[in-house]
C-alpha atoms as a PDB file:
ATOM      1  CA  MET A   1     116.163  76.910 112.492  1.00  0.00           C
ATOM      2  CA  SER A   2     118.961  79.257 111.507  1.00  0.00           C
ATOM      3  CA  THR A   3     120.693  81.454 114.066  1.00  0.00           C
ATOM      4  CA  GLU A   4     122.727  83.365 111.490  1.00  0.00           C
ATOM      5  CA  LEU A   5     121.835  86.919 110.547  1.00  0.00           C
ATOM      6  CA  THR A   6     119.677  87.051 107.435  1.00  0.00           C
ATOM      7  CA  ARG A   7     117.845  89.855 105.593  1.00  0.00           C
ATOM      8  CA  TYR A   8     114.084  89.377 105.948  1.00  0.00           C
ATOM      9  CA  THR A   9     111.197  91.231 104.378  1.00  0.00           C
ATOM     10  CA  ILE A  10     108.239  91.446 106.750  1.00  0.00           C
ATOM     11  CA  SER A  11     104.873  92.120 105.109  1.00  0.00           C
ATOM     12  CA  ILE A  12     102.112  93.379 107.388  1.00  0.00           C
ATOM     13  CA  TYR A  13      98.506  93.643 106.252  1.00  0.00           C
ATOM     14  CA  SER A  14      96.456  95.982 108.401  1.00  0.00           C
ATOM     15  CA  GLU A  15      93.680  98.462 108.746  1.00  0.00           C
ATOM     16  CA  ASN A  16      94.827 102.049 108.259  1.00  0.00           C
ATOM     17  CA  ASN A  17      94.496 103.386 111.783  1.00  0.00           C
ATOM     18  CA  VAL A  18      96.351 106.190 113.513  1.00  0.00           C
ATOM     19  CA  GLY A  19      99.173 105.061 115.781  1.00  0.00           C
ATOM     20  CA  LEU A  20      99.777 101.623 114.271  1.00  0.00           C
ATOM     21  CA  LEU A  21     103.167 102.584 112.821  1.00  0.00           C
ATOM     22  CA  ASN A  22     104.230 103.867 116.237  1.00  0.00           C
ATOM     23  CA  ARG A  23     103.190 100.620 117.927  1.00  0.00           C
ATOM     24  CA  ILE A  24     104.941  98.504 115.288  1.00  0.00           C
ATOM     25  CA  SER A  25     108.158 100.524 115.511  1.00  0.00           C
ATOM     26  CA  ALA A  26     108.057 100.158 119.316  1.00  0.00           C
ATOM     27  CA  ILE A  27     108.234  96.369 118.869  1.00  0.00           C
ATOM     28  CA  PHE A  28     111.549  96.791 117.009  1.00  0.00           C
ATOM     29  CA  LEU A  29     112.813  99.389 119.485  1.00  0.00           C
ATOM     30  CA  LYS A  30     112.210  97.117 122.495  1.00  0.00           C
ATOM     31  CA  ARG A  31     114.319  94.416 120.851  1.00  0.00           C
ATOM     32  CA  HIS A  32     117.029  96.848 119.677  1.00  0.00           C
ATOM     33  CA  ILE A  33     116.452  95.839 116.035  1.00  0.00           C
ATOM     34  CA  ASN A  34     117.224  98.379 113.340  1.00  0.00           C
ATOM     35  CA  ILE A  35     114.730  98.794 110.514  1.00  0.00           C
ATOM     36  CA  GLU A  36     116.695  98.825 107.246  1.00  0.00           C
ATOM     37  CA  SER A  37     113.743  99.929 105.109  1.00  0.00           C
ATOM     38  CA  LEU A  38     110.062 100.703 105.619  1.00  0.00           C
ATOM     39  CA  THR A  39     107.384 101.278 103.005  1.00  0.00           C
ATOM     40  CA  THR A  40     103.624 101.450 103.333  1.00  0.00           C
ATOM     41  CA  SER A  41     100.887 101.590 100.734  1.00  0.00           C
ATOM     42  CA  LEU A  42      97.494 100.305  99.760  1.00  0.00           C
ATOM     43  CA  SER A  43      97.480  96.564  99.167  1.00  0.00           C
ATOM     44  CA  GLU A  44      95.741  94.437  96.567  1.00  0.00           C
ATOM     45  CA  ILE A  45      92.695  94.309  98.865  1.00  0.00           C
ATOM     46  CA  PRO A  46      90.346  97.327  99.182  1.00  0.00           C
ATOM     47  CA  ASP A  47      90.713  99.204 102.501  1.00  0.00           C
ATOM     48  CA  VAL A  48      93.690  97.058 103.572  1.00  0.00           C
ATOM     49  CA  PHE A  49      97.151  98.569 103.817  1.00  0.00           C
ATOM     50  CA  ARG A  50     100.514  96.877 103.600  1.00  0.00           C
ATOM     51  CA  PHE A  51     103.719  97.657 105.448  1.00  0.00           C
ATOM     52  CA  VAL A  52     106.947  96.269 103.992  1.00  0.00           C
ATOM     53  CA  ILE A  53     109.736  96.275 106.577  1.00  0.00           C
ATOM     54  CA  VAL A  54     113.274  95.015 105.960  1.00  0.00           C
ATOM     55  CA  VAL A  55     115.401  93.811 108.882  1.00  0.00           C
ATOM     56  CA  ILE A  56     118.598  91.825 109.346  1.00  0.00           C
ATOM     57  CA  VAL A  57     118.028  89.334 112.157  1.00  0.00           C
ATOM     58  CA  THR A  58     118.060  85.612 112.941  1.00  0.00           C
ATOM     59  CA  GLU A  59     115.093  83.419 112.045  1.00  0.00           C
ATOM     60  CA  PRO A  60     113.983  83.028 115.697  1.00  0.00           C
ATOM     61  CA  GLN A  61     114.045  86.832 116.030  1.00  0.00           C
ATOM     62  CA  VAL A  62     111.937  87.412 112.912  1.00  0.00           C
ATOM     63  CA  GLN A  63     109.451  84.778 114.070  1.00  0.00           C
ATOM     64  CA  LYS A  64     109.067  86.566 117.431  1.00  0.00           C
ATOM     65  CA  LEU A  65     108.739  89.931 115.672  1.00  0.00           C
ATOM     66  CA  VAL A  66     105.940  88.642 113.445  1.00  0.00           C
ATOM     67  CA  GLN A  67     104.162  87.091 116.444  1.00  0.00           C
ATOM     68  CA  GLN A  68     104.330  90.381 118.354  1.00  0.00           C
ATOM     69  CA  ILE A  69     103.197  92.380 115.317  1.00  0.00           C
ATOM     70  CA  GLU A  70     100.198  90.104 114.800  1.00  0.00           C
ATOM     71  CA  LYS A  71      99.089  90.810 118.404  1.00  0.00           C
ATOM     72  CA  GLN A  72      98.384  94.421 117.415  1.00  0.00           C
ATOM     73  CA  VAL A  73      94.620  94.986 117.151  1.00  0.00           C
ATOM     74  CA  ASP A  74      94.747  96.616 113.709  1.00  0.00           C
ATOM     75  CA  VAL A  75      97.009  93.960 112.150  1.00  0.00           C
ATOM     76  CA  ILE A  76      95.228  91.376 110.012  1.00  0.00           C
ATOM     77  CA  LYS A  77      98.238  89.187 109.186  1.00  0.00           C
ATOM     78  CA  ALA A  78     102.033  89.401 109.003  1.00  0.00           C
ATOM     79  CA  PHE A  79     104.451  87.309 106.957  1.00  0.00           C
ATOM     80  CA  TYR A  80     108.229  87.130 106.626  1.00  0.00           C
ATOM     81  CA  HIS A  81     110.354  86.097 103.659  1.00  0.00           C
ATOM     82  CA  THR A  82     114.026  85.906 102.742  1.00  0.00           C
ATOM     83  CA  ASP A  83     115.379  87.770  99.699  1.00  0.00           C
ATOM     84  CA  GLU A  84     115.293  84.514  97.732  1.00  0.00           C
ATOM     85  CA  GLU A  85     111.554  84.184  98.410  1.00  0.00           C
ATOM     86  CA  THR A  86     110.645  87.659  97.144  1.00  0.00           C
ATOM     87  CA  ILE A  87     110.820  89.878  94.114  1.00  0.00           C
ATOM     88  CA  PHE A  88     111.868  93.334  95.269  1.00  0.00           C
ATOM     89  CA  LEU A  89     113.047  96.713  94.023  1.00  0.00           C
ATOM     90  CA  GLU A  90     113.723 100.253  95.207  1.00  0.00           C
ATOM     91  CA  THR A  91     113.449 103.569  93.400  1.00  0.00           C
ATOM     92  CA  ALA A  92     115.874 106.480  93.706  1.00  0.00           C
ATOM     93  CA  LEU A  93     115.815 110.091  92.521  1.00  0.00           C
ATOM     94  CA  TYR A  94     118.973 112.107  91.841  1.00  0.00           C
ATOM     95  CA  LYS A  95     118.932 115.899  91.383  1.00  0.00           C
ATOM     96  CA  VAL A  96     121.935 117.331  89.498  1.00  0.00           C
ATOM     97  CA  LYS A  97     122.789 120.786  88.093  1.00  0.00           C
ATOM     98  CA  THR A  98     121.544 121.070  84.508  1.00  0.00           C
ATOM     99  CA  ASN A  99     124.835 122.386  83.095  1.00  0.00           C
ATOM    100  CA  PHE A 100     126.468 119.001  83.885  1.00  0.00           C
ATOM    101  CA  LEU A 101     123.985 117.207  81.660  1.00  0.00           C
ATOM    102  CA  PHE A 102     125.332 119.035  78.607  1.00  0.00           C
ATOM    103  CA  GLU A 103     128.951 119.629  79.676  1.00  0.00           C
ATOM    104  CA  GLU A 104     129.774 116.163  81.032  1.00  0.00           C
ATOM    105  CA  ARG A 105     129.073 113.458  78.467  1.00  0.00           C
ATOM    106  CA  GLN A 106     129.865 110.821  81.114  1.00  0.00           C
ATOM    107  CA  ILE A 107     126.616 111.621  82.965  1.00  0.00           C
ATOM    108  CA  GLN A 108     124.572 110.682  79.905  1.00  0.00           C
ATOM    109  CA  ASN A 109     126.561 107.431  79.678  1.00  0.00           C
ATOM    110  CA  TYR A 110     125.884 106.644  83.357  1.00  0.00           C
ATOM    111  CA  ILE A 111     122.163 107.227  82.836  1.00  0.00           C
ATOM    112  CA  LYS A 112     122.082 105.006  79.768  1.00  0.00           C
ATOM    113  CA  GLU A 113     124.246 102.217  81.248  1.00  0.00           C
ATOM    114  CA  SER A 114     122.193 102.054  84.453  1.00  0.00           C
ATOM    115  CA  HIS A 115     118.859 102.019  82.600  1.00  0.00           C
ATOM    116  CA  ALA A 116     117.808 105.147  84.470  1.00  0.00           C
ATOM    117  CA  SER A 117     115.715 107.906  82.985  1.00  0.00           C
ATOM    118  CA  ILE A 118     115.519 111.673  83.183  1.00  0.00           C
ATOM    119  CA  VAL A 119     112.148 112.606  84.619  1.00  0.00           C
ATOM    120  CA  THR A 120     112.418 116.392  84.519  1.00  0.00           C
ATOM    121  CA  VAL A 121     114.740 119.071  83.219  1.00  0.00           C
ATOM    122  CA  ALA A 122     114.614 122.639  84.533  1.00  0.00           C
ATOM    123  CA  PRO A 123     117.018 125.528  83.820  1.00  0.00           C
ATOM    124  CA  GLU A 124     118.874 124.971  87.130  1.00  0.00           C
ATOM    125  CA  TYR A 125     118.643 121.186  87.587  1.00  0.00           C
ATOM    126  CA  PHE A 126     117.540 117.855  86.148  1.00  0.00           C
ATOM    127  CA  VAL A 127     116.208 114.789  87.951  1.00  0.00           C
ATOM    128  CA  ILE A 128     117.107 111.183  87.192  1.00  0.00           C
ATOM    129  CA  GLU A 129     114.987 108.219  88.280  1.00  0.00           C
ATOM    130  CA  LYS A 130     116.468 104.750  88.763  1.00  0.00           C
ATOM    131  CA  THR A 131     114.537 101.648  89.788  1.00  0.00           C
ATOM    132  CA  GLY A 132     116.484  98.548  90.729  1.00  0.00           C
ATOM    133  CA  PHE A 133     118.319  96.797  93.512  1.00  0.00           C
ATOM    134  CA  ARG A 134     120.041  98.747  96.315  1.00  0.00           C
ATOM    135  CA  HIS A 135     123.531  98.116  94.901  1.00  0.00           C
ATOM    136  CA  GLU A 136     122.405  99.522  91.526  1.00  0.00           C
ATOM    137  CA  THR A 137     120.958 102.736  92.981  1.00  0.00           C
ATOM    138  CA  ASP A 138     124.076 103.101  95.156  1.00  0.00           C
ATOM    139  CA  LYS A 139     126.359 102.665  92.143  1.00  0.00           C
ATOM    140  CA  LEU A 140     124.610 105.441  90.220  1.00  0.00           C
ATOM    141  CA  ARG A 141     124.775 107.711  93.299  1.00  0.00           C
ATOM    142  CA  GLU A 142     128.516 107.087  93.531  1.00  0.00           C
ATOM    143  CA  GLN A 143     128.954 107.808  89.813  1.00  0.00           C
ATOM    144  CA  LEU A 144     127.013 111.070  90.049  1.00  0.00           C
ATOM    145  CA  ALA A 145     128.590 112.250  93.329  1.00  0.00           C
ATOM    146  CA  PRO A 146     131.646 113.910  91.679  1.00  0.00           C
ATOM    147  CA  PHE A 147     129.249 116.152  89.752  1.00  0.00           C
ATOM    148  CA  GLY A 148     127.733 117.559  92.928  1.00  0.00           C
ATOM    149  CA  LEU A 149     124.466 115.843  93.657  1.00  0.00           C
ATOM    150  CA  LEU A 150     122.028 118.514  94.781  1.00  0.00           C
ATOM    151  CA  GLN A 151     119.656 115.949  96.276  1.00  0.00           C
ATOM    152  CA  PHE A 152     119.341 112.176  96.558  1.00  0.00           C
ATOM    153  CA  VAL A 153     116.471 110.093  97.915  1.00  0.00           C
ATOM    154  CA  ARG A 154     115.689 106.402  97.781  1.00  0.00           C
ATOM    155  CA  SER A 155     112.433 104.636  98.543  1.00  0.00           C
ATOM    156  CA  GLY A 156     112.103 101.734 100.882  1.00  0.00           C
ATOM    157  CA  ARG A 157     111.859  98.262  99.466  1.00  0.00           C
ATOM    158  CA  ILE A 158     108.744  97.282  97.605  1.00  0.00           C
ATOM    159  CA  SER A 159     108.238  93.566  97.210  1.00  0.00           C
ATOM    160  CA  VAL A 160     105.924  90.739  96.344  1.00  0.00           C
ATOM    161  CA  SER A 161     106.421  87.179  97.506  1.00  0.00           C
ATOM    162  CA  LYS A 162     107.084  84.466  94.976  1.00  0.00           C
ATOM    163  CA  ALA A 163     104.726  82.074  96.773  1.00  0.00           C
ATOM    164  CA  PRO A 164     101.083  83.032  97.406  1.00  0.00           C
ATOM    165  CA  MET A 165     100.493  84.500 100.857  1.00  0.00           C
ATOM    166  CA  GLY A 166      96.769  83.734 100.854  1.00  0.00           C
ATOM    167  CA  ILE A 167      95.800  87.032 102.464  1.00  0.00           C
ATOM    168  CA  SER A 168      92.525  87.245 100.478  1.00  0.00           C
ATOM    169  CA  GLU A 169      91.476  83.820 101.790  1.00  0.00           C
ATOM    170  CA  ILE A 170      92.380  84.850 105.336  1.00  0.00           C
ATOM    171  CA  LEU A 171      90.260  87.997 105.022  1.00  0.00           C
ATOM    172  CA  ASN A 172      87.327  86.143 103.502  1.00  0.00           C
ATOM    173  CA  SER A 173      87.314  83.602 106.344  1.00  0.00           C
ATOM    174  CA  PHE A 174      87.626  86.471 108.843  1.00  0.00           C
ATOM    175  CA  LYS A 175      84.609  88.239 107.280  1.00  0.00           C
ATOM    176  CA  GLU A 176      82.605  84.985 107.304  1.00  0.00           C
ATOM    177  CA  ASN A 177      83.331  84.521 111.011  1.00  0.00           C
ATOM    178  CA  LEU A 178      82.002  88.014 111.729  1.00  0.00           C
ATOM    179  CA  THR A 179      78.653  87.280 110.091  1.00  0.00           C
END
């Protein structure tokens, strides 16, 4: 078991009940563990939600975190994976003054080279969308910074595991035990 710091993606399948996020974040707070990224959405299973939380901790720490998270009443199951065990991306939006789009040819080159796209153009501003790894969205932000970024926002990590997690089977057996 490794005691070196590693980036882990924790996936939590749960019911969508008020207060669960607060209880989960309290688990990290008690252990003084910073959450690098947090995303929540519907999962592949009807009426089941998924939290994706990224932390940098040791393996024993992530194991304890997952155990504590699974003790929460609304949590169905929690998993953890390393970066090598997942496929993950983030999305970023960049808002820039419209005049730069036409006056600074370099901006168009940055957009093209980074495989980003312009999602809207208004008289005062335009918005670029970039999906990729954190270092890719950071690079584009750094390239656009000299042109006066009006706004920048990045999503939390979204990920799927390479190996099956078996959450559907877990839920089916849970439902069978209730009947």
